[in-house]
N, C-alpha and C. Protein backbone atom coordinates (compact mmCIF):
# COMPACT_ATOMS: atom_id res chain seq x y z
N MET A 1 43.82 148.05 156.62
CA MET A 1 44.67 146.92 156.96
C MET A 1 44.81 146.85 158.48
N LEU A 2 44.78 145.63 158.99
CA LEU A 2 44.90 145.42 160.43
C LEU A 2 46.34 145.52 160.89
N GLY A 3 46.53 146.19 161.99
CA GLY A 3 47.85 146.20 162.62
C GLY A 3 47.98 144.96 163.49
N LEU A 4 49.16 144.72 164.01
CA LEU A 4 49.41 143.53 164.83
C LEU A 4 48.52 143.53 166.07
N THR A 5 48.34 144.67 166.70
CA THR A 5 47.52 144.75 167.90
C THR A 5 46.08 144.37 167.60
N GLU A 6 45.55 144.89 166.50
CA GLU A 6 44.18 144.57 166.12
C GLU A 6 44.04 143.10 165.72
N LEU A 7 45.05 142.59 165.02
CA LEU A 7 45.03 141.20 164.59
C LEU A 7 44.97 140.26 165.79
N LYS A 8 45.72 140.56 166.83
CA LYS A 8 45.76 139.71 168.02
C LYS A 8 44.42 139.69 168.74
N GLN A 9 43.56 140.66 168.47
CA GLN A 9 42.27 140.72 169.13
C GLN A 9 41.18 140.00 168.35
N THR A 10 41.48 139.53 167.16
CA THR A 10 40.46 138.85 166.35
C THR A 10 40.23 137.44 166.86
N LYS A 11 39.02 136.95 166.61
CA LYS A 11 38.65 135.60 167.03
C LYS A 11 39.52 134.55 166.33
N VAL A 12 39.80 134.75 165.07
CA VAL A 12 40.61 133.80 164.31
C VAL A 12 42.00 133.68 164.93
N TYR A 13 42.61 134.80 165.27
CA TYR A 13 43.94 134.79 165.88
C TYR A 13 43.89 134.06 167.23
N GLN A 14 42.90 134.36 168.04
CA GLN A 14 42.80 133.76 169.36
C GLN A 14 42.60 132.24 169.27
N GLU A 15 41.78 131.80 168.31
CA GLU A 15 41.57 130.36 168.13
C GLU A 15 42.83 129.67 167.66
N ALA A 16 43.54 130.29 166.73
CA ALA A 16 44.78 129.70 166.23
C ALA A 16 45.82 129.62 167.34
N LYS A 17 45.89 130.65 168.14
CA LYS A 17 46.84 130.67 169.26
C LYS A 17 46.50 129.56 170.26
N SER A 18 45.22 129.40 170.53
CA SER A 18 44.78 128.36 171.47
C SER A 18 45.11 126.97 170.92
N GLU A 19 44.85 126.75 169.64
CA GLU A 19 45.15 125.45 169.02
C GLU A 19 46.65 125.16 169.08
N GLY A 20 47.44 126.18 168.86
CA GLY A 20 48.90 126.01 168.93
C GLY A 20 49.35 125.59 170.31
N LYS A 21 48.74 126.17 171.32
CA LYS A 21 49.09 125.80 172.70
C LYS A 21 48.71 124.35 172.98
N ILE A 22 47.55 123.95 172.51
CA ILE A 22 47.10 122.57 172.72
C ILE A 22 48.03 121.60 172.02
N GLU A 23 48.36 121.90 170.76
CA GLU A 23 49.26 121.04 170.00
C GLU A 23 50.62 120.94 170.69
N GLY A 24 51.09 122.05 171.22
CA GLY A 24 52.37 122.06 171.93
C GLY A 24 52.34 121.19 173.18
N LYS A 25 51.24 121.25 173.91
CA LYS A 25 51.11 120.43 175.11
C LYS A 25 51.10 118.95 174.76
N ILE A 26 50.35 118.59 173.72
CA ILE A 26 50.27 117.19 173.32
C ILE A 26 51.64 116.71 172.84
N GLU A 27 52.32 117.54 172.05
CA GLU A 27 53.64 117.17 171.55
C GLU A 27 54.60 116.94 172.72
N GLY A 28 54.53 117.78 173.72
CA GLY A 28 55.38 117.62 174.90
C GLY A 28 55.10 116.32 175.62
N LYS A 29 53.82 115.98 175.73
CA LYS A 29 53.46 114.72 176.37
C LYS A 29 53.99 113.53 175.58
N LEU A 30 53.85 113.59 174.27
CA LEU A 30 54.31 112.48 173.44
C LEU A 30 55.82 112.31 173.52
N GLU A 31 56.54 113.41 173.64
CA GLU A 31 58.00 113.33 173.75
C GLU A 31 58.43 112.78 175.10
N THR A 32 57.55 112.83 176.08
CA THR A 32 57.85 112.33 177.43
C THR A 32 57.74 110.81 177.53
N ILE A 33 56.95 110.22 176.66
CA ILE A 33 56.67 108.78 176.75
C ILE A 33 57.94 107.92 176.74
N PRO A 34 58.87 108.08 175.80
CA PRO A 34 60.06 107.22 175.83
C PRO A 34 60.86 107.37 177.13
N PHE A 35 60.93 108.58 177.65
CA PHE A 35 61.66 108.79 178.91
C PHE A 35 60.99 108.04 180.05
N MET A 36 59.66 108.13 180.12
CA MET A 36 58.95 107.44 181.19
C MET A 36 59.10 105.93 181.07
N LEU A 37 59.10 105.44 179.84
CA LEU A 37 59.34 104.01 179.63
C LEU A 37 60.72 103.60 180.13
N SER A 38 61.71 104.46 179.87
CA SER A 38 63.07 104.16 180.31
C SER A 38 63.19 104.13 181.83
N LEU A 39 62.27 104.80 182.51
CA LEU A 39 62.26 104.78 183.97
C LEU A 39 61.51 103.58 184.54
N GLY A 40 60.90 102.80 183.62
CA GLY A 40 60.21 101.59 184.05
C GLY A 40 58.71 101.72 184.19
N ALA A 41 58.15 102.84 183.79
CA ALA A 41 56.70 103.01 183.86
C ALA A 41 56.04 102.15 182.80
N THR A 42 54.87 101.63 183.11
CA THR A 42 54.13 100.83 182.14
C THR A 42 53.34 101.76 181.22
N VAL A 43 52.90 101.21 180.09
CA VAL A 43 52.10 101.98 179.14
C VAL A 43 50.83 102.49 179.83
N GLU A 44 50.24 101.66 180.66
CA GLU A 44 49.02 102.05 181.37
C GLU A 44 49.29 103.21 182.34
N GLN A 45 50.40 103.13 183.06
CA GLN A 45 50.75 104.20 183.99
C GLN A 45 51.00 105.51 183.26
N ILE A 46 51.68 105.41 182.14
CA ILE A 46 51.98 106.61 181.35
C ILE A 46 50.71 107.24 180.81
N ALA A 47 49.83 106.42 180.27
CA ALA A 47 48.56 106.93 179.73
C ALA A 47 47.76 107.64 180.80
N GLU A 48 47.74 107.06 181.98
CA GLU A 48 47.00 107.69 183.08
C GLU A 48 47.68 108.97 183.55
N ALA A 49 48.98 108.93 183.72
CA ALA A 49 49.71 110.09 184.22
C ALA A 49 49.65 111.29 183.26
N LEU A 50 49.71 111.00 181.96
CA LEU A 50 49.72 112.08 180.97
C LEU A 50 48.33 112.37 180.41
N ASP A 51 47.33 111.63 180.87
CA ASP A 51 45.95 111.81 180.41
C ASP A 51 45.87 111.65 178.89
N LEU A 52 46.45 110.53 178.41
CA LEU A 52 46.45 110.20 176.98
C LEU A 52 45.75 108.87 176.77
N ASP A 53 45.27 108.65 175.56
CA ASP A 53 44.68 107.38 175.19
C ASP A 53 45.75 106.29 175.21
N ILE A 54 45.43 105.16 175.78
CA ILE A 54 46.41 104.09 175.92
C ILE A 54 46.91 103.60 174.56
N LYS A 55 46.06 103.58 173.55
CA LYS A 55 46.48 103.14 172.22
C LYS A 55 47.52 104.09 171.64
N LEU A 56 47.37 105.38 171.91
CA LEU A 56 48.35 106.37 171.44
C LEU A 56 49.69 106.14 172.13
N VAL A 57 49.65 105.90 173.42
CA VAL A 57 50.88 105.64 174.17
C VAL A 57 51.56 104.37 173.66
N GLN A 58 50.77 103.34 173.37
CA GLN A 58 51.33 102.10 172.82
C GLN A 58 52.01 102.35 171.48
N GLN A 59 51.37 103.16 170.63
CA GLN A 59 51.96 103.47 169.32
C GLN A 59 53.29 104.18 169.48
N VAL A 60 53.33 105.18 170.33
CA VAL A 60 54.58 105.92 170.54
C VAL A 60 55.64 105.02 171.14
N ALA A 61 55.24 104.15 172.06
CA ALA A 61 56.19 103.22 172.69
C ALA A 61 56.80 102.30 171.65
N GLN A 62 55.98 101.77 170.77
CA GLN A 62 56.48 100.87 169.72
C GLN A 62 57.40 101.61 168.77
N THR A 63 57.04 102.81 168.40
CA THR A 63 57.85 103.61 167.49
C THR A 63 59.19 103.97 168.12
N SER A 64 59.16 104.34 169.40
CA SER A 64 60.40 104.75 170.06
C SER A 64 61.36 103.58 170.26
N GLN A 65 60.83 102.38 170.37
CA GLN A 65 61.68 101.19 170.53
C GLN A 65 62.40 100.84 169.24
N SER A 66 61.86 101.29 168.12
CA SER A 66 62.46 100.92 166.83
C SER A 66 63.34 102.02 166.25
N THR A 67 63.49 103.15 166.94
CA THR A 67 64.33 104.22 166.43
C THR A 67 65.76 104.06 166.92
N PRO A 68 66.75 104.41 166.11
CA PRO A 68 68.15 104.29 166.51
C PRO A 68 68.49 105.12 167.75
N GLU A 69 67.85 106.27 167.91
CA GLU A 69 68.16 107.12 169.07
C GLU A 69 67.87 106.39 170.35
N THR A 70 66.74 105.70 170.41
CA THR A 70 66.36 104.98 171.62
C THR A 70 67.27 103.79 171.86
N ARG A 71 67.61 103.07 170.80
CA ARG A 71 68.47 101.90 170.97
C ARG A 71 69.86 102.30 171.46
N ASP A 72 70.37 103.44 171.02
CA ASP A 72 71.70 103.88 171.43
C ASP A 72 71.75 104.20 172.92
N LYS A 73 70.64 104.64 173.49
CA LYS A 73 70.60 105.03 174.90
C LYS A 73 70.48 103.82 175.81
N SER A 74 70.09 102.68 175.28
CA SER A 74 69.88 101.48 176.10
C SER A 74 71.19 100.89 176.55
């Protein structure tokens, strides 16, 4: 049986850890979009600044405009 130290050295563990970091970075970027919109940034500016696809930024922008949390802050 593998111990934790040995497990952390396996390729599967390293790949999973790397994917988790990537997912976390993307999630952080997506959570930033409504804030940037509230500061007056355009969808195009946000997509460029966060290095995201403009269609993805548009989707998040539309979704954030229809949520009660966003409307309450306006």
